[in-house]
Protein backbone atom coordinates (compact mmCIF):
# COMPACT_ATOMS: atom_id res chain seq x y z
CA MET A 1 197.60 50.54 16.42
CA PRO A 2 195.35 52.24 16.95
CA ARG A 3 193.70 52.27 20.70
CA ILE A 4 190.28 51.52 20.93
CA VAL A 5 187.69 54.32 22.86
CA VAL A 6 184.41 52.78 23.23
CA TYR A 7 181.45 56.13 23.47
CA PHE A 8 177.80 55.02 25.27
CA ILE A 9 174.31 57.22 25.77
CA ASP A 10 171.49 55.92 26.45
CA SER A 11 169.52 58.80 24.35
CA LEU A 12 166.53 57.77 23.21
CA THR A 13 166.67 60.76 20.84
CA PHE A 14 168.91 62.92 18.51
CA GLY A 15 169.79 66.66 19.53
CA GLY A 16 172.34 68.87 20.94
CA THR A 17 174.39 65.46 23.12
CA GLU A 18 174.03 63.52 20.64
CA GLN A 19 175.31 65.84 18.06
CA ALA A 20 178.71 66.90 19.48
CA LEU A 21 179.63 63.32 19.97
CA LEU A 22 179.71 63.02 16.16
CA HIS A 23 181.65 66.40 15.83
CA LEU A 24 184.11 64.38 18.78
CA MET A 25 184.17 61.38 16.81
CA ALA A 26 184.34 63.35 13.14
CA GLY A 27 187.92 65.24 14.83
CA LEU A 28 189.86 61.88 16.25
CA ASP A 29 193.09 60.99 15.00
CA ARG A 30 192.30 57.61 13.70
CA ARG A 31 195.81 56.56 13.72
CA ARG A 32 195.22 56.77 17.13
CA TRP A 33 192.08 56.39 18.24
CA GLN A 34 189.25 54.17 16.81
CA PRO A 35 185.47 55.00 18.05
CA VAL A 36 182.98 52.78 18.02
CA LEU A 37 180.08 53.84 19.85
CA TYR A 38 177.48 52.01 22.09
CA HIS A 39 174.10 52.14 21.19
CA HIS A 40 170.67 51.37 21.88
CA ASP A 41 168.08 49.96 19.59
CA GLU A 42 165.94 52.94 19.61
CA PRO A 43 164.87 54.12 16.62
CA GLY A 44 164.71 58.46 18.32
CA ILE A 45 168.91 57.43 17.73
CA ALA A 46 167.89 56.93 14.19
CA PRO A 47 169.87 59.77 12.46
CA LEU A 48 173.25 59.07 15.41
CA ILE A 49 173.86 56.24 13.80
CA GLU A 50 173.49 56.89 9.80
CA LYS A 51 176.16 59.64 11.01
CA ALA A 52 178.41 57.59 12.36
CA ARG A 53 177.73 54.70 9.84
CA GLN A 54 178.65 58.25 7.72
CA LEU A 55 182.16 58.44 9.30
CA ASP A 56 183.20 54.74 9.50
CA VAL A 57 182.20 54.55 12.69
CA GLN A 58 181.47 51.00 14.21
CA THR A 59 178.57 50.55 15.65
CA ARG A 60 177.89 47.74 18.35
CA VAL A 61 174.14 47.28 19.95
CA VAL A 62 173.44 48.01 23.71
CA PRO A 63 170.78 45.67 25.67
CA ILE A 64 169.01 48.48 27.53
CA LEU A 65 169.85 48.38 30.83
CA LYS A 66 166.76 49.76 33.62
CA GLY A 67 164.13 48.02 36.07
CA ASN A 68 164.14 44.12 35.32
CA GLN A 69 166.41 44.36 32.23
CA THR A 70 169.56 45.04 34.28
CA PHE A 71 170.14 42.44 35.98
CA SER A 72 170.07 39.93 32.68
CA GLY A 73 171.36 43.04 30.10
CA LEU A 74 174.64 44.12 33.05
CA PRO A 75 176.88 40.49 32.11
CA ARG A 76 175.85 40.61 28.70
CA PHE A 77 177.90 44.81 28.62
CA PHE A 78 180.24 43.30 30.15
CA ARG A 79 181.39 40.62 27.61
CA GLN A 80 180.26 42.40 25.05
CA LEU A 81 183.36 44.68 27.07
CA SER A 82 185.99 42.28 27.37
CA LEU A 83 185.60 40.97 23.62
CA GLU A 84 186.20 45.25 22.61
CA LYS A 85 188.79 46.03 24.92
CA PRO A 86 189.41 49.13 24.57
CA ALA A 87 191.62 51.56 25.57
CA VAL A 88 188.54 54.30 26.60
CA PHE A 89 185.13 54.31 27.68
CA HIS A 90 184.11 57.71 27.38
CA ALA A 91 180.37 57.76 27.74
CA HIS A 92 178.19 60.93 27.41
CA LEU A 93 175.18 62.45 29.81
CA ASN A 94 171.85 63.60 28.59
CA TRP A 95 171.53 64.30 32.52
CA LEU A 96 173.95 62.88 35.37
CA LEU A 97 172.82 59.28 35.74
CA SER A 98 172.32 58.60 32.88
CA CYS A 99 175.47 55.72 31.45
CA LYS A 100 174.76 55.12 34.79
CA TYR A 101 175.08 50.54 34.06
CA GLY A 102 177.49 51.63 30.83
CA ILE A 103 179.80 52.76 33.91
CA LEU A 104 179.39 49.95 36.24
CA ALA A 105 180.49 47.89 33.71
CA ALA A 106 183.22 49.71 32.62
CA ALA A 107 184.83 50.31 36.07
CA LEU A 108 184.36 46.19 36.69
CA SER A 109 186.29 46.09 33.88
CA ARG A 110 188.83 47.86 34.67
CA ILE A 111 188.62 50.07 31.58
CA PRO A 112 189.93 53.90 32.44
CA VAL A 113 186.34 55.76 32.52
CA VAL A 114 185.73 59.11 30.92
CA ALA A 115 181.83 60.84 31.38
CA THR A 116 180.44 63.85 29.41
CA VAL A 117 178.37 65.83 30.92
CA GLN A 118 176.33 67.82 29.10
CA GLN A 119 173.39 69.14 31.09
CA PHE A 120 173.16 72.08 34.37
CA MET A 121 170.27 69.97 36.03
CA ASP A 122 167.64 71.32 37.59
CA PRO A 123 166.75 71.47 40.94
CA PRO A 124 165.41 69.88 43.14
CA TRP A 125 166.42 66.85 43.04
CA GLY A 126 165.57 63.72 45.22
CA LYS A 127 168.72 63.10 47.43
CA SER A 128 168.61 59.18 46.19
CA ILE A 129 169.87 61.10 43.32
CA GLU A 130 172.65 62.80 45.41
CA ILE A 131 174.40 59.08 46.55
CA GLN A 132 173.76 57.54 43.01
CA GLN A 133 176.03 60.41 42.15
CA TYR A 134 178.05 59.79 44.56
CA LEU A 135 178.78 56.45 44.14
CA LEU A 136 178.93 56.61 40.70
CA SER A 137 182.05 59.51 40.61
CA ARG A 138 183.36 57.08 42.11
CA TYR A 139 184.66 55.03 39.53
CA VAL A 140 183.87 57.86 37.23
CA ASP A 141 188.00 58.82 36.34
CA ARG A 142 187.61 62.56 34.66
CA TYR A 143 184.77 64.22 34.01
CA ILE A 144 184.00 65.96 30.74
CA ALA A 145 182.07 69.51 31.78
CA VAL A 146 181.34 71.41 28.73
CA SER A 147 180.53 74.68 30.27
CA ASN A 148 181.78 76.74 33.98
CA ALA A 149 178.61 76.03 35.64
CA VAL A 150 177.98 72.43 34.86
CA ALA A 151 181.37 71.96 36.49
CA GLY A 152 181.06 74.48 39.18
CA GLN A 153 177.74 71.93 39.80
CA LEU A 154 179.40 69.30 39.89
CA CYS A 155 182.07 70.17 42.46
CA LYS A 156 180.38 72.30 44.81
CA THR A 157 176.84 69.92 44.67
CA PHE A 158 177.23 66.90 43.89
CA HIS A 159 180.19 67.30 45.82
CA VAL A 160 183.33 65.51 42.53
CA PRO A 161 186.49 66.05 43.11
CA ALA A 162 188.18 68.89 40.98
CA HIS A 163 190.45 67.26 40.12
CA LYS A 164 188.39 64.82 38.08
CA ILE A 165 186.79 67.32 36.35
CA GLN A 166 188.39 69.37 33.00
CA VAL A 167 186.35 72.59 31.35
CA ILE A 168 186.01 71.44 27.51
CA PRO A 169 183.35 73.91 25.64
CA ASN A 170 180.94 72.83 23.16
CA CYS A 171 182.07 72.98 19.54
CA ILE A 172 181.45 73.42 16.04
CA PRO A 173 182.90 72.92 12.90
CA ARG A 174 183.40 75.45 10.18
CA ASP A 175 182.89 73.87 7.25
CA ARG A 176 179.72 75.35 7.86
CA ASN A 177 177.94 76.16 4.59
CA LEU A 178 175.67 78.75 5.69
CA THR A 179 174.88 80.56 2.74
CA ARG A 180 172.01 78.83 0.94
CA HIS A 181 167.77 78.55 -0.08
CA ARG A 182 166.97 81.76 1.51
CA PHE A 183 164.63 82.30 -0.36
CA SER A 184 163.21 79.44 -1.62
CA LEU A 185 162.57 78.10 1.96
CA ARG A 186 161.34 80.79 2.77
CA SER A 187 158.11 81.05 -0.04
CA GLU A 188 157.93 77.27 1.25
CA PHE A 189 156.80 78.45 4.40
CA GLY A 190 154.71 81.09 2.85
CA ILE A 191 156.03 83.47 4.77
CA GLY A 192 157.17 87.16 2.39
CA GLU A 193 161.21 88.54 3.10
CA GLU A 194 159.26 91.63 4.62
CA ARG A 195 158.22 88.89 7.68
CA PRO A 196 160.36 88.16 10.87
CA LEU A 197 161.27 85.13 11.08
CA ILE A 198 162.33 83.60 14.34
CA LEU A 199 164.00 79.91 14.65
CA THR A 200 164.64 77.40 17.65
CA VAL A 201 166.32 74.25 17.98
CA ALA A 202 165.55 72.84 19.92
CA ARG A 203 164.19 68.96 20.75
CA LEU A 204 160.53 69.15 22.05
CA ASP A 205 161.32 69.00 25.80
CA LYS A 206 159.55 69.77 28.91
CA GLN A 207 164.16 71.22 29.60
CA LYS A 208 163.56 73.71 25.94
CA GLY A 209 160.68 76.12 28.03
CA HIS A 210 158.80 76.83 24.33
CA PRO A 211 155.40 76.97 25.98
CA PHE A 212 157.53 80.76 27.47
CA LEU A 213 158.19 81.00 24.34
CA PHE A 214 154.37 80.68 23.29
CA GLU A 215 153.23 83.05 25.07
CA ALA A 216 156.35 85.84 23.65
CA LEU A 217 155.07 84.84 20.64
CA CYS A 218 150.87 86.16 20.96
CA GLN A 219 152.58 89.14 22.30
CA VAL A 220 154.57 90.43 18.19
CA PRO A 221 151.57 89.68 16.55
CA GLU A 222 154.66 90.29 13.36
CA ALA A 223 156.46 87.49 13.41
CA THR A 224 156.56 84.12 13.50
CA LEU A 225 158.83 81.38 14.36
CA VAL A 226 159.99 78.05 13.23
CA LEU A 227 160.62 74.57 15.76
CA ALA A 228 163.30 72.68 14.18
CA GLY A 229 163.09 69.52 16.79
CA SER A 230 161.48 65.93 17.44
CA GLY A 231 160.59 65.39 20.55
CA PRO A 232 157.92 63.91 23.67
CA GLU A 233 156.64 67.67 23.37
CA ARG A 234 154.31 68.30 20.62
CA LYS A 235 151.45 66.90 20.89
CA ALA A 236 151.64 69.48 23.87
CA LEU A 237 153.01 72.34 22.26
CA GLU A 238 150.92 71.99 18.09
CA ALA A 239 147.64 72.33 21.22
CA LEU A 240 148.61 75.08 23.05
CA SER A 241 149.76 77.12 20.05
CA ALA A 242 145.76 76.33 19.25
CA ASP A 243 144.71 77.03 22.77
CA LEU A 244 146.87 80.38 22.52
CA GLY A 245 145.36 81.74 18.77
CA ILE A 246 149.23 81.17 17.45
CA HIS A 247 148.75 78.37 15.54
CA ASP A 248 149.15 79.69 12.03
CA ARG A 249 152.72 81.53 13.11
CA VAL A 250 154.15 78.05 13.70
CA ILE A 251 155.35 76.20 11.64
CA PHE A 252 156.24 72.69 13.22
CA LEU A 253 158.65 70.90 11.84
CA GLY A 254 160.30 68.21 13.10
CA HIS A 255 163.87 67.18 13.08
CA ARG A 256 165.73 68.80 10.06
CA GLU A 257 169.07 68.32 8.54
CA ASP A 258 168.63 71.60 6.88
CA ILE A 259 170.33 74.10 9.70
CA ASP A 260 171.72 75.72 8.05
CA ASP A 261 170.01 76.66 5.57
CA LEU A 262 166.56 77.26 8.02
CA LEU A 263 169.40 79.74 9.69
CA ALA A 264 170.00 81.41 6.73
CA CYS A 265 167.12 82.27 6.00
CA SER A 266 165.17 83.75 9.90
CA ASP A 267 165.98 86.72 11.30
CA LEU A 268 166.74 86.04 14.09
CA PHE A 269 167.03 82.39 17.32
CA VAL A 270 165.74 82.33 20.65
CA LEU A 271 166.57 79.59 22.27
CA PRO A 272 163.99 79.92 25.73
CA SER A 273 165.51 77.02 27.85
CA ILE A 274 164.82 76.89 31.15
CA TYR A 275 167.93 74.60 32.28
CA GLU A 276 171.43 73.51 29.54
CA GLY A 277 174.64 72.77 29.53
CA LEU A 278 176.01 74.88 26.84
CA PRO A 279 174.16 74.27 24.18
CA LEU A 280 175.56 74.00 20.34
CA SER A 281 172.38 75.00 18.50
CA ILE A 282 173.75 78.57 20.04
CA LEU A 283 177.30 78.76 18.32
CA GLU A 284 175.97 76.92 15.05
CA ALA A 285 173.70 80.78 15.38
CA MET A 286 176.54 82.40 16.37
CA ASP A 287 178.56 80.44 13.34
CA ALA A 288 176.06 82.47 11.57
CA GLY A 289 175.58 85.11 12.48
CA LYS A 290 172.05 85.14 13.76
CA ALA A 291 171.39 86.85 16.79
CA VAL A 292 169.99 85.17 19.10
CA ILE A 293 168.15 85.86 22.48
CA ALA A 294 168.90 83.08 24.76
CA THR A 295 167.54 82.19 28.90
CA ALA A 296 170.40 83.62 30.53
CA VAL A 297 170.59 79.34 32.09
CA GLY A 298 173.29 76.64 32.99
CA GLY A 299 176.99 77.58 30.10
CA THR A 300 173.75 79.81 27.87
CA PRO A 301 175.76 83.28 28.98
CA GLU A 302 179.57 81.51 28.96
CA ALA A 303 179.04 81.85 24.46
CA VAL A 304 176.49 84.72 24.98
CA SER A 305 177.05 88.28 26.12
CA ASP A 306 174.50 90.34 26.82
CA GLY A 307 174.17 93.59 24.08
CA GLU A 308 176.77 92.66 22.81
CA THR A 309 176.52 88.43 21.01
CA GLY A 310 172.31 88.19 21.73
CA LEU A 311 170.47 89.10 24.74
CA LEU A 312 170.56 86.96 27.63
CA VAL A 313 166.20 86.96 29.60
CA PRO A 314 164.87 85.42 32.78
CA ARG A 315 164.22 82.06 32.14
CA ARG A 316 160.34 81.17 32.28
CA ASP A 317 159.87 84.92 31.81
CA SER A 318 157.98 85.97 29.09
CA LYS A 319 157.23 89.03 28.68
CA ALA A 320 161.28 89.29 29.16
CA LEU A 321 161.63 87.21 26.40
CA ALA A 322 159.13 89.29 24.05
CA SER A 323 160.09 92.06 25.40
CA ALA A 324 163.78 90.80 23.35
CA MET A 325 162.24 90.11 19.97
CA ARG A 326 160.30 92.86 19.80
CA LYS A 327 163.75 94.54 20.41
CA LEU A 328 165.72 93.15 17.78
CA ILE A 329 162.85 92.72 14.76
CA SER A 330 162.82 96.65 15.48
CA ASP A 331 166.43 96.71 14.60
CA PRO A 332 167.86 95.17 12.21
CA THR A 333 171.38 97.12 12.46
CA MET A 334 172.05 95.82 15.94
CA ARG A 335 170.74 92.47 14.85
CA LEU A 336 173.50 92.39 12.55
CA ARG A 337 176.65 94.09 15.27
CA MET A 338 176.09 90.87 17.68
CA GLY A 339 175.65 88.59 14.79
CA LYS A 340 179.14 90.13 13.31
CA ALA A 341 180.34 89.80 17.44
CA GLY A 342 178.72 86.42 17.89
CA LYS A 343 180.43 85.01 14.83
CA VAL A 344 183.90 85.76 15.63
CA ARG A 345 183.25 84.74 19.04
CA VAL A 346 182.73 81.54 17.85
CA ARG A 347 185.24 80.84 14.87
CA GLN A 348 187.52 82.21 18.10
CA GLU A 349 186.50 80.52 21.10
CA PHE A 350 184.35 76.67 20.46
CA SER A 351 186.32 75.68 17.76
CA VAL A 352 186.80 71.72 17.13
CA ASN A 353 190.00 72.03 17.51
CA ASN A 354 190.13 72.15 20.50
CA MET A 355 187.89 70.48 21.98
CA VAL A 356 189.05 66.80 19.71
CA GLN A 357 192.34 68.67 21.52
CA GLY A 358 191.04 68.77 24.56
CA VAL A 359 189.00 65.53 24.76
CA THR A 360 192.31 63.13 22.99
CA GLN A 361 194.49 65.13 26.10
CA VAL A 362 192.42 63.21 29.04
CA TYR A 363 192.47 59.62 27.09
CA GLU A 364 196.91 60.58 26.82
CA GLY A 365 196.37 61.15 30.44
CA LEU A 366 194.63 58.09 31.71
CA TRP A 367 195.88 55.32 29.07
CA ASP A 368 199.65 56.99 30.36
CA GLN A 369 198.08 55.94 34.12
CA THR A 370 196.98 52.63 33.61
CA GLN A 371 200.92 51.45 31.83
CA LYS A 372 202.37 52.69 34.66
CA GLN A 373 199.88 50.60 37.09
CA THR A 374 199.33 47.63 35.41
CA GLY A 375 201.88 47.16 32.35
CA PRO A 376 202.39 47.27 28.50
CA GLU A 377 200.27 43.81 28.65
CA VAL A 378 197.46 46.37 29.20
CA GLY A 379 194.25 47.73 26.88
CA ASN A 380 195.08 47.11 23.02
CA ILE A 381 198.62 47.76 22.31
């Protein structure tokens, strides 16, 4: 009989963390592990819930644990876990202290806790965050870091013991269709085949550094920028594009499901993030054979090899970003070479099978440890 693993995510919007969780749930061996998704009732994560159900994953709405709601919601969360009787509780963290009350409820239920940390935290942060992180880490049995950069920060900055941390990179599936609709989409956008099309796939959030990309676009008048993603900064970014006089060259698409099609019709992929863990969007662009320009933050340099699979620039540097964009736009041969090299690298080093195998080995290790400590009656055999 498969053991239950509860996945918990407290996101308000759908982004890379949620997509990575879907890849993991899709790859699980259901003969050994039965996934159940715990989530808040938030409209912004509707794509996650819909896709999880398409994967035949059971979903559970849990109370938001925040402010005064914590005191009433935590016992309900605790009772729900007691009824579920999972073998493992796996929290997916959009930032360091997300999911903290869910982790506490699982620990109080004596359920082994795994926490995947998706983001490299951008300083400064207050002393209270360091204290909370220190206390929270005592309830987490294993941290999964999506890059060596994230692992290093957990260990050196937040003093998580090294034996609790395992690096398992984000990955993407290989069954993607990457050859569709290049011309029809360009026609839909009103962009001729001769005009350079730059694609960015990211939440419209301050973390992603869109204003620096807009400033860079001012210096590359021959290009059009297409943005796929939704988020709280959309109105501010629309206003900024108007103020900069580039509103006619910036296309806001909102959330899109046809990312493969967008990659097929683009010439270049750019991600100007201020901080990152290991962004899935970059891996998807590389797998599609696109040269990538990205900021050298967090785990991004672990995927993008500067000068080989793309170009890396400093964060918050619109001049360097514009220079890199002009360089690749003017040199199709370089773009093609980098795109091919990126595709080879992703398929060799960022396989979903490797990710799923690594994560389930963590589960198995914790399960074996629990059995030795408490006996076979614990859990859901």
